Amino acid sequence: MTVTNQPASNTAFSELEQLRLIIFGDAQRVLEQKISQLSNDLNDQFNELKTEQKRHSLEIKEMLEKAVESLSDKLDFVDSQHDEKHQTMVATTETLNAQLELSDASGKDEVDALHKRLDEEVQKLNSLFSNKHAEAMAKLAKVSHELTDTKTDRKTLAKLLATMATNLESD
């Protein structure tokens, strides 16, 4: 019963399909065409969007590469400027150190010469004052001896001491 029933149901199904095609065939075809067209339009728009996104990505990549290159160039320039300034500072420091050493050596020589000259002057002055002192003491002793030997009066002694004082001042 199922064997004979099956062809009859296939026939009924096929007839139903044909009826459906007759009634809804054109509308279904139109709908399928619209769906196909929408699918094609979406694929086209998706491809355009994909292409546009790739183009934007490439532009952004190029801009970033240019910016990185520019920053790298600026950094290299700043580094070179820094190196030049560092070299200049090192050279200046070395020059100043050399000048300072020369100045120290020259200053030490000058100070030593000045000390020697001062010592010589002090020695001369010391000798001169010692001689003058000795002369004054000798004169004083001589006058004192003369006074005691001659037994001069006080007025004569005062005159003699005053004359001796003026002689000492003039020497």
N, C-alpha and C. Protein backbone atom coordinates (compact mmCIF):
# COMPACT_ATOMS: atom_id res chain seq x y z
N MET A 1 0.81 -1.16 0.00
CA MET A 1 0.00 0.00 0.00
C MET A 1 0.87 1.25 0.00
N THR A 2 1.93 1.15 0.55
CA THR A 2 2.80 2.29 0.54
C THR A 2 3.46 2.48 -0.79
N VAL A 3 3.67 1.39 -1.54
CA VAL A 3 4.31 1.49 -2.82
C VAL A 3 3.39 2.20 -3.80
N THR A 4 2.14 1.87 -3.84
CA THR A 4 1.22 2.50 -4.75
C THR A 4 0.86 3.89 -4.28
N ASN A 5 0.90 4.09 -3.05
CA ASN A 5 0.57 5.38 -2.46
C ASN A 5 1.68 6.41 -2.73
N GLN A 6 2.85 5.95 -2.85
CA GLN A 6 3.98 6.85 -3.03
C GLN A 6 3.94 7.53 -4.39
N PRO A 7 3.72 6.85 -5.46
CA PRO A 7 3.67 7.57 -6.73
C PRO A 7 2.50 8.55 -6.75
N ALA A 8 1.42 8.21 -6.11
CA ALA A 8 0.29 9.12 -6.11
C ALA A 8 0.63 10.37 -5.33
N SER A 9 1.38 10.25 -4.24
CA SER A 9 1.74 11.43 -3.47
C SER A 9 2.76 12.26 -4.22
N ASN A 10 3.65 11.63 -4.96
CA ASN A 10 4.61 12.36 -5.80
C ASN A 10 3.89 13.14 -6.86
N THR A 11 2.89 12.55 -7.42
CA THR A 11 2.14 13.21 -8.46
C THR A 11 1.40 14.39 -7.86
N ALA A 12 0.83 14.21 -6.68
CA ALA A 12 0.10 15.30 -6.03
C ALA A 12 1.07 16.43 -5.66
N PHE A 13 2.24 16.04 -5.21
CA PHE A 13 3.25 17.03 -4.86
C PHE A 13 3.69 17.80 -6.07
N SER A 14 3.88 17.08 -7.14
CA SER A 14 4.31 17.70 -8.39
C SER A 14 3.24 18.62 -8.93
N GLU A 15 1.99 18.23 -8.80
CA GLU A 15 0.90 19.08 -9.27
C GLU A 15 0.82 20.34 -8.38
N LEU A 16 1.03 20.15 -7.12
CA LEU A 16 1.01 21.27 -6.20
C LEU A 16 2.15 22.26 -6.52
N GLU A 17 3.25 21.71 -6.90
CA GLU A 17 4.40 22.53 -7.28
C GLU A 17 4.06 23.31 -8.54
N GLN A 18 3.46 22.66 -9.45
CA GLN A 18 3.12 23.33 -10.70
C GLN A 18 2.12 24.44 -10.45
N LEU A 19 1.16 24.19 -9.59
CA LEU A 19 0.17 25.20 -9.24
C LEU A 19 0.85 26.40 -8.57
N ARG A 20 1.73 26.10 -7.70
CA ARG A 20 2.48 27.15 -7.00
C ARG A 20 3.29 27.98 -8.00
N LEU A 21 3.89 27.33 -8.93
CA LEU A 21 4.67 28.02 -9.95
C LEU A 21 3.76 28.90 -10.80
N ILE A 22 2.63 28.44 -11.11
CA ILE A 22 1.72 29.23 -11.93
C ILE A 22 1.26 30.46 -11.16
N ILE A 23 0.90 30.27 -9.92
CA ILE A 23 0.36 31.38 -9.14
C ILE A 23 1.48 32.32 -8.65
N PHE A 24 2.48 31.77 -8.06
CA PHE A 24 3.53 32.59 -7.44
C PHE A 24 4.84 32.63 -8.23
N GLY A 25 4.91 32.03 -9.37
CA GLY A 25 6.14 31.89 -10.15
C GLY A 25 6.80 33.21 -10.47
N ASP A 26 6.03 34.11 -11.03
CA ASP A 26 6.62 35.40 -11.40
C ASP A 26 7.05 36.18 -10.16
N ALA A 27 6.25 36.18 -9.13
CA ALA A 27 6.58 36.92 -7.90
C ALA A 27 7.83 36.31 -7.26
N GLN A 28 7.92 34.98 -7.28
CA GLN A 28 9.07 34.31 -6.69
C GLN A 28 10.33 34.65 -7.49
N ARG A 29 10.22 34.63 -8.82
CA ARG A 29 11.35 34.95 -9.67
C ARG A 29 11.81 36.39 -9.42
N VAL A 30 10.85 37.30 -9.30
CA VAL A 30 11.17 38.70 -9.04
C VAL A 30 11.88 38.83 -7.68
N LEU A 31 11.34 38.13 -6.67
CA LEU A 31 11.95 38.16 -5.34
C LEU A 31 13.37 37.58 -5.38
N GLU A 32 13.55 36.49 -6.08
CA GLU A 32 14.88 35.88 -6.17
C GLU A 32 15.85 36.82 -6.90
N GLN A 33 15.35 37.50 -7.93
CA GLN A 33 16.20 38.45 -8.65
C GLN A 33 16.58 39.64 -7.73
N LYS A 34 15.57 40.12 -6.97
CA LYS A 34 15.86 41.22 -6.04
C LYS A 34 16.87 40.79 -4.98
N ILE A 35 16.68 39.58 -4.44
CA ILE A 35 17.62 39.06 -3.44
C ILE A 35 19.01 38.92 -4.05
N SER A 36 19.07 38.40 -5.28
CA SER A 36 20.35 38.24 -5.97
C SER A 36 20.99 39.61 -6.23
N GLN A 37 20.14 40.57 -6.68
CA GLN A 37 20.65 41.92 -6.93
C GLN A 37 21.16 42.56 -5.64
N LEU A 38 20.39 42.42 -4.53
CA LEU A 38 20.81 42.95 -3.23
C LEU A 38 22.12 42.30 -2.78
N SER A 39 22.21 40.99 -3.00
CA SER A 39 23.44 40.28 -2.63
C SER A 39 24.62 40.81 -3.44
N ASN A 40 24.41 41.01 -4.74
CA ASN A 40 25.47 41.55 -5.59
C ASN A 40 25.84 42.97 -5.17
N ASP A 41 24.79 43.80 -4.89
CA ASP A 41 25.06 45.16 -4.46
C ASP A 41 25.84 45.19 -3.14
N LEU A 42 25.43 44.33 -2.19
CA LEU A 42 26.15 44.26 -0.91
C LEU A 42 27.59 43.81 -1.12
N ASN A 43 27.79 42.82 -1.98
CA ASN A 43 29.16 42.35 -2.27
C ASN A 43 29.99 43.47 -2.90
N ASP A 44 29.38 44.22 -3.83
CA ASP A 44 30.10 45.33 -4.46
C ASP A 44 30.46 46.40 -3.43
N GLN A 45 29.46 46.76 -2.59
CA GLN A 45 29.72 47.77 -1.57
C GLN A 45 30.76 47.27 -0.56
N PHE A 46 30.69 46.01 -0.22
CA PHE A 46 31.67 45.44 0.70
C PHE A 46 33.07 45.49 0.08
N ASN A 47 33.15 45.14 -1.19
CA ASN A 47 34.45 45.19 -1.88
C ASN A 47 34.97 46.63 -1.97
N GLU A 48 34.06 47.59 -2.25
CA GLU A 48 34.47 49.00 -2.29
C GLU A 48 34.97 49.45 -0.91
N LEU A 49 34.21 49.07 0.11
CA LEU A 49 34.60 49.42 1.48
C LEU A 49 35.94 48.79 1.84
N LYS A 50 36.13 47.56 1.43
CA LYS A 50 37.39 46.86 1.69
C LYS A 50 38.54 47.57 0.98
N THR A 51 38.32 47.96 -0.27
CA THR A 51 39.34 48.67 -1.04
C THR A 51 39.64 50.03 -0.40
N GLU A 52 38.59 50.73 -0.02
CA GLU A 52 38.75 52.04 0.63
C GLU A 52 39.51 51.90 1.95
N GLN A 53 39.19 50.87 2.71
CA GLN A 53 39.87 50.63 3.98
C GLN A 53 41.35 50.32 3.75
N LYS A 54 41.66 49.54 2.74
CA LYS A 54 43.06 49.24 2.40
C LYS A 54 43.80 50.52 2.02
N ARG A 55 43.14 51.35 1.21
CA ARG A 55 43.76 52.61 0.78
C ARG A 55 44.03 53.50 1.99
N HIS A 56 43.03 53.62 2.88
CA HIS A 56 43.22 54.43 4.09
C HIS A 56 44.32 53.85 4.98
N SER A 57 44.37 52.54 5.09
CA SER A 57 45.42 51.90 5.89
C SER A 57 46.79 52.20 5.31
N LEU A 58 46.90 52.14 3.98
CA LEU A 58 48.19 52.45 3.34
C LEU A 58 48.56 53.91 3.55
N GLU A 59 47.57 54.81 3.43
CA GLU A 59 47.85 56.24 3.65
C GLU A 59 48.31 56.49 5.08
N ILE A 60 47.63 55.86 6.04
CA ILE A 60 48.00 56.02 7.45
C ILE A 60 49.40 55.44 7.68
N LYS A 61 49.66 54.30 7.07
CA LYS A 61 50.99 53.68 7.22
C LYS A 61 52.07 54.59 6.65
N GLU A 62 51.82 55.18 5.47
CA GLU A 62 52.78 56.09 4.85
C GLU A 62 52.99 57.32 5.73
N MET A 63 51.89 57.86 6.26
CA MET A 63 52.00 59.04 7.12
C MET A 63 52.81 58.72 8.38
N LEU A 64 52.55 57.57 8.97
CA LEU A 64 53.29 57.17 10.17
C LEU A 64 54.76 56.97 9.85
N GLU A 65 55.05 56.35 8.71
CA GLU A 65 56.44 56.14 8.33
C GLU A 65 57.15 57.48 8.11
N LYS A 66 56.45 58.42 7.45
CA LYS A 66 57.04 59.75 7.24
C LYS A 66 57.26 60.45 8.57
N ALA A 67 56.29 60.34 9.48
CA ALA A 67 56.42 60.99 10.79
C ALA A 67 57.57 60.37 11.58
N VAL A 68 57.69 59.05 11.54
CA VAL A 68 58.78 58.37 12.24
C VAL A 68 60.12 58.78 11.63
N GLU A 69 60.16 58.86 10.29
CA GLU A 69 61.40 59.26 9.61
C GLU A 69 61.76 60.70 9.98
N SER A 70 60.76 61.58 10.01
CA SER A 70 61.00 62.97 10.37
C SER A 70 61.50 63.07 11.81
N LEU A 71 60.86 62.35 12.71
CA LEU A 71 61.29 62.36 14.11
C LEU A 71 62.69 61.78 14.25
N SER A 72 62.97 60.74 13.48
CA SER A 72 64.31 60.14 13.51
C SER A 72 65.36 61.14 13.02
N ASP A 73 65.03 61.87 11.95
CA ASP A 73 65.96 62.90 11.44
C ASP A 73 66.18 63.99 12.48
N LYS A 74 65.09 64.43 13.12
CA LYS A 74 65.22 65.46 14.15
C LYS A 74 66.05 64.96 15.32
N LEU A 75 65.82 63.71 15.71
CA LEU A 75 66.58 63.12 16.81
C LEU A 75 68.06 63.02 16.45
N ASP A 76 68.35 62.62 15.20
CA ASP A 76 69.75 62.55 14.75
C ASP A 76 70.37 63.94 14.77
N PHE A 77 69.61 64.95 14.34
CA PHE A 77 70.12 66.33 14.34
C PHE A 77 70.42 66.79 15.76
N VAL A 78 69.49 66.53 16.67
CA VAL A 78 69.67 66.92 18.07
C VAL A 78 70.88 66.17 18.66
N ASP A 79 71.01 64.89 18.33
CA ASP A 79 72.16 64.12 18.82
C ASP A 79 73.46 64.70 18.31
N SER A 80 73.49 65.06 17.03
CA SER A 80 74.73 65.62 16.47
C SER A 80 75.04 66.97 17.12
N GLN A 81 74.00 67.79 17.34
CA GLN A 81 74.20 69.07 18.01
C GLN A 81 74.75 68.85 19.42
N HIS A 82 74.16 67.87 20.11
CA HIS A 82 74.59 67.55 21.48
C HIS A 82 76.04 67.08 21.47
N ASP A 83 76.40 66.22 20.51
CA ASP A 83 77.78 65.74 20.42
C ASP A 83 78.75 66.88 20.14
N GLU A 84 78.36 67.78 19.23
CA GLU A 84 79.22 68.93 18.92
C GLU A 84 79.42 69.81 20.16
N LYS A 85 78.34 70.08 20.87
CA LYS A 85 78.44 70.91 22.06
C LYS A 85 79.28 70.22 23.13
N HIS A 86 79.12 68.91 23.24
CA HIS A 86 79.91 68.15 24.21
C HIS A 86 81.39 68.22 23.86
N GLN A 87 81.71 68.04 22.58
CA GLN A 87 83.11 68.12 22.14
C GLN A 87 83.67 69.51 22.40
N THR A 88 82.87 70.55 22.12
CA THR A 88 83.30 71.92 22.36
C THR A 88 83.57 72.14 23.85
N MET A 89 82.67 71.65 24.69
CA MET A 89 82.84 71.80 26.13
C MET A 89 84.08 71.05 26.62
N VAL A 90 84.31 69.86 26.09
CA VAL A 90 85.50 69.09 26.49
C VAL A 90 86.76 69.84 26.08
N ALA A 91 86.77 70.36 24.84
CA ALA A 91 87.94 71.10 24.36
C ALA A 91 88.16 72.36 25.20
N THR A 92 87.08 73.06 25.51
CA THR A 92 87.17 74.27 26.33
C THR A 92 87.70 73.93 27.72
N THR A 93 87.20 72.86 28.28
CA THR A 93 87.65 72.43 29.61
C THR A 93 89.14 72.09 29.60
N GLU A 94 89.57 71.38 28.57
CA GLU A 94 90.98 71.03 28.47
C GLU A 94 91.84 72.28 28.33
N THR A 95 91.39 73.23 27.51
CA THR A 95 92.12 74.48 27.33
C THR A 95 92.21 75.25 28.64
N LEU A 96 91.07 75.34 29.33
CA LEU A 96 91.06 76.07 30.60
C LEU A 96 91.95 75.39 31.64
N ASN A 97 91.94 74.06 31.66
CA ASN A 97 92.82 73.34 32.59
C ASN A 97 94.28 73.62 32.28
N ALA A 98 94.64 73.62 31.00
CA ALA A 98 96.02 73.90 30.61
C ALA A 98 96.40 75.33 31.01
N GLN A 99 95.51 76.28 30.74
CA GLN A 99 95.78 77.67 31.11
C GLN A 99 95.90 77.82 32.62
N LEU A 100 95.06 77.11 33.35
CA LEU A 100 95.10 77.17 34.81
C LEU A 100 96.42 76.61 35.33
N GLU A 101 96.88 75.51 34.75
CA GLU A 101 98.16 74.94 35.18
C GLU A 101 99.31 75.89 34.88
N LEU A 102 99.27 76.51 33.67
CA LEU A 102 100.32 77.48 33.33
C LEU A 102 100.27 78.67 34.29
N SER A 103 99.06 79.13 34.57
CA SER A 103 98.89 80.27 35.47
C SER A 103 99.38 79.92 36.87
N ASP A 104 99.07 78.72 37.32
CA ASP A 104 99.53 78.28 38.64
C ASP A 104 101.05 78.23 38.69
N ALA A 105 101.66 77.65 37.66
CA ALA A 105 103.13 77.56 37.63
C ALA A 105 103.74 78.95 37.57
N SER A 106 103.19 79.79 36.71
CA SER A 106 103.70 81.16 36.57
C SER A 106 103.49 81.93 37.86
N GLY A 107 102.33 81.79 38.45
CA GLY A 107 102.02 82.47 39.71
C GLY A 107 102.94 81.99 40.82
N LYS A 108 103.24 80.71 40.86
CA LYS A 108 104.12 80.18 41.90
C LYS A 108 105.52 80.74 41.72
N ASP A 109 105.98 80.78 40.46
CA ASP A 109 107.30 81.36 40.20
C ASP A 109 107.34 82.83 40.61
N GLU A 110 106.30 83.56 40.26
CA GLU A 110 106.24 84.98 40.61
C GLU A 110 106.20 85.17 42.13
N VAL A 111 105.42 84.33 42.81
CA VAL A 111 105.32 84.43 44.27
C VAL A 111 106.67 84.09 44.90
N ASP A 112 107.34 83.04 44.37
CA ASP A 112 108.66 82.68 44.90
C ASP A 112 109.66 83.82 44.69
N ALA A 113 109.63 84.42 43.50
CA ALA A 113 110.54 85.54 43.22
C ALA A 113 110.23 86.72 44.13
N LEU A 114 108.95 86.99 44.34
CA LEU A 114 108.55 88.09 45.22
C LEU A 114 109.00 87.83 46.66
N HIS A 115 108.83 86.59 47.12
CA HIS A 115 109.28 86.23 48.47
C HIS A 115 110.80 86.42 48.60
N LYS A 116 111.51 85.99 47.58
CA LYS A 116 112.96 86.12 47.60
C LYS A 116 113.36 87.59 47.66
N ARG A 117 112.70 88.39 46.81
CA ARG A 117 113.00 89.82 46.78
C ARG A 117 112.67 90.48 48.11
N LEU A 118 111.51 90.12 48.68
CA LEU A 118 111.13 90.67 49.98
C LEU A 118 112.12 90.27 51.06
N ASP A 119 112.54 88.99 51.02
CA ASP A 119 113.52 88.52 52.01
C ASP A 119 114.82 89.31 51.89
N GLU A 120 115.25 89.56 50.64
CA GLU A 120 116.48 90.32 50.42
C GLU A 120 116.32 91.76 50.94
N GLU A 121 115.17 92.38 50.64
CA GLU A 121 114.92 93.75 51.10
C GLU A 121 114.89 93.81 52.64
N VAL A 122 114.22 92.82 53.23
CA VAL A 122 114.15 92.77 54.69
C VAL A 122 115.56 92.60 55.26
N GLN A 123 116.34 91.75 54.60
CA GLN A 123 117.71 91.53 55.05
C GLN A 123 118.52 92.82 54.98
N LYS A 124 118.37 93.54 53.83
CA LYS A 124 119.09 94.81 53.67
C LYS A 124 118.65 95.83 54.73
N LEU A 125 117.33 95.96 54.89
CA LEU A 125 116.83 96.91 55.88
C LEU A 125 117.28 96.53 57.29
N ASN A 126 117.25 95.26 57.57
CA ASN A 126 117.67 94.78 58.88
C ASN A 126 119.15 95.12 59.11
N SER A 127 119.94 94.87 58.08
CA SER A 127 121.37 95.18 58.16
C SER A 127 121.58 96.68 58.32
N LEU A 128 120.85 97.47 57.51
CA LEU A 128 120.97 98.93 57.58
C LEU A 128 120.59 99.45 58.97
N PHE A 129 119.44 98.97 59.49
CA PHE A 129 119.02 99.42 60.81
C PHE A 129 119.98 98.95 61.90
N SER A 130 120.52 97.77 61.73
CA SER A 130 121.49 97.28 62.72
C SER A 130 122.73 98.16 62.72
N ASN A 131 123.19 98.52 61.50
CA ASN A 131 124.36 99.40 61.39
C ASN A 131 124.06 100.77 62.00
N LYS A 132 122.92 101.34 61.67
CA LYS A 132 122.54 102.66 62.20
C LYS A 132 122.41 102.60 63.73
N HIS A 133 121.84 101.51 64.20
CA HIS A 133 121.68 101.35 65.64
C HIS A 133 123.05 101.27 66.32
N ALA A 134 123.91 100.49 65.67
CA ALA A 134 125.27 100.34 66.23
C ALA A 134 125.99 101.69 66.23
N GLU A 135 125.87 102.46 65.14
CA GLU A 135 126.48 103.78 65.06
C GLU A 135 125.93 104.71 66.13
N ALA A 136 124.58 104.67 66.27
CA ALA A 136 123.94 105.52 67.27
C ALA A 136 124.41 105.14 68.67
N MET A 137 124.52 103.87 68.91
CA MET A 137 124.96 103.41 70.22
C MET A 137 126.42 103.81 70.46
N ALA A 138 127.21 103.72 69.38
CA ALA A 138 128.63 104.10 69.52
C ALA A 138 128.74 105.59 69.80
N LYS A 139 127.97 106.40 69.06
CA LYS A 139 127.99 107.84 69.28
C LYS A 139 127.51 108.17 70.69
N LEU A 140 126.45 107.48 71.10
CA LEU A 140 125.92 107.72 72.44
C LEU A 140 126.96 107.34 73.49
N ALA A 141 127.61 106.24 73.26
CA ALA A 141 128.65 105.81 74.22
C ALA A 141 129.79 106.81 74.22
N LYS A 142 130.16 107.28 73.02
CA LYS A 142 131.25 108.26 72.91
C LYS A 142 130.87 109.54 73.62
N VAL A 143 129.68 110.02 73.37
CA VAL A 143 129.22 111.27 73.99
C VAL A 143 129.12 111.05 75.49
N SER A 144 128.60 109.93 75.88
CA SER A 144 128.47 109.65 77.29
C SER A 144 129.85 109.59 77.95
N HIS A 145 130.78 109.00 77.25
CA HIS A 145 132.16 108.91 77.77
C HIS A 145 132.79 110.31 77.83
N GLU A 146 132.57 111.08 76.80
CA GLU A 146 133.11 112.45 76.80
C GLU A 146 132.52 113.27 77.92
N LEU A 147 131.24 113.05 78.16
CA LEU A 147 130.58 113.81 79.23
C LEU A 147 131.16 113.44 80.59
N THR A 148 131.35 112.21 80.75
CA THR A 148 131.90 111.81 82.05
C THR A 148 133.35 112.24 82.18
N ASP A 149 134.08 112.25 81.06
CA ASP A 149 135.48 112.66 81.11
C ASP A 149 135.61 114.17 81.28
N THR A 150 134.84 114.93 80.64
CA THR A 150 134.98 116.38 80.67
C THR A 150 134.12 117.02 81.73
N LYS A 151 133.24 116.35 82.24
CA LYS A 151 132.36 116.83 83.29
C LYS A 151 131.72 118.14 82.88
N THR A 152 131.02 118.10 81.76
CA THR A 152 130.37 119.26 81.19
C THR A 152 129.10 119.51 81.96
N ASP A 153 128.69 120.72 81.91
CA ASP A 153 127.47 121.05 82.64
C ASP A 153 126.23 120.55 81.88
N ARG A 154 125.12 120.75 82.49
CA ARG A 154 123.86 120.21 81.97
C ARG A 154 123.44 120.90 80.69
N LYS A 155 123.65 122.13 80.53
CA LYS A 155 123.25 122.85 79.32
C LYS A 155 124.03 122.31 78.14
N THR A 156 125.26 122.13 78.28
CA THR A 156 126.09 121.63 77.21
C THR A 156 125.65 120.22 76.85
N LEU A 157 125.35 119.44 77.88
CA LEU A 157 124.89 118.07 77.66
C LEU A 157 123.57 118.07 76.90
N ALA A 158 122.64 118.95 77.21
CA ALA A 158 121.35 119.03 76.53
C ALA A 158 121.55 119.41 75.09
N LYS A 159 122.44 120.38 74.81
CA LYS A 159 122.71 120.78 73.44
C LYS A 159 123.31 119.62 72.66
N LEU A 160 124.21 118.95 73.30
CA LEU A 160 124.87 117.83 72.64
C LEU A 160 123.88 116.74 72.29
N LEU A 161 122.98 116.42 73.22
CA LEU A 161 121.97 115.38 72.96
C LEU A 161 120.99 115.83 71.88
N ALA A 162 120.62 117.09 71.87
CA ALA A 162 119.72 117.62 70.84
C ALA A 162 120.38 117.54 69.49
N THR A 163 121.66 117.89 69.39
CA THR A 163 122.40 117.83 68.13
C THR A 163 122.50 116.38 67.67
N MET A 164 122.74 115.50 68.60
CA MET A 164 122.84 114.10 68.25
C MET A 164 121.49 113.57 67.76
N ALA A 165 120.39 113.99 68.33
CA ALA A 165 119.06 113.57 67.92
C ALA A 165 118.76 114.06 66.52
N THR A 166 119.12 115.30 66.21
CA THR A 166 118.89 115.81 64.87
C THR A 166 119.77 115.10 63.86
N ASN A 167 120.98 114.75 64.26
CA ASN A 167 121.87 114.01 63.35
C ASN A 167 121.28 112.61 63.05
N LEU A 168 120.71 112.00 64.09
CA LEU A 168 120.10 110.67 63.90
C LEU A 168 118.88 110.74 62.99
N GLU A 169 118.11 111.78 63.15
CA GLU A 169 116.92 111.95 62.32
C GLU A 169 117.31 112.17 60.88
N SER A 170 118.36 112.90 60.63
CA SER A 170 118.76 113.20 59.26
C SER A 170 119.38 111.98 58.59
N ASP A 171 119.96 111.08 59.34
CA ASP A 171 120.57 109.90 58.75
C ASP A 171 119.49 108.95 58.38
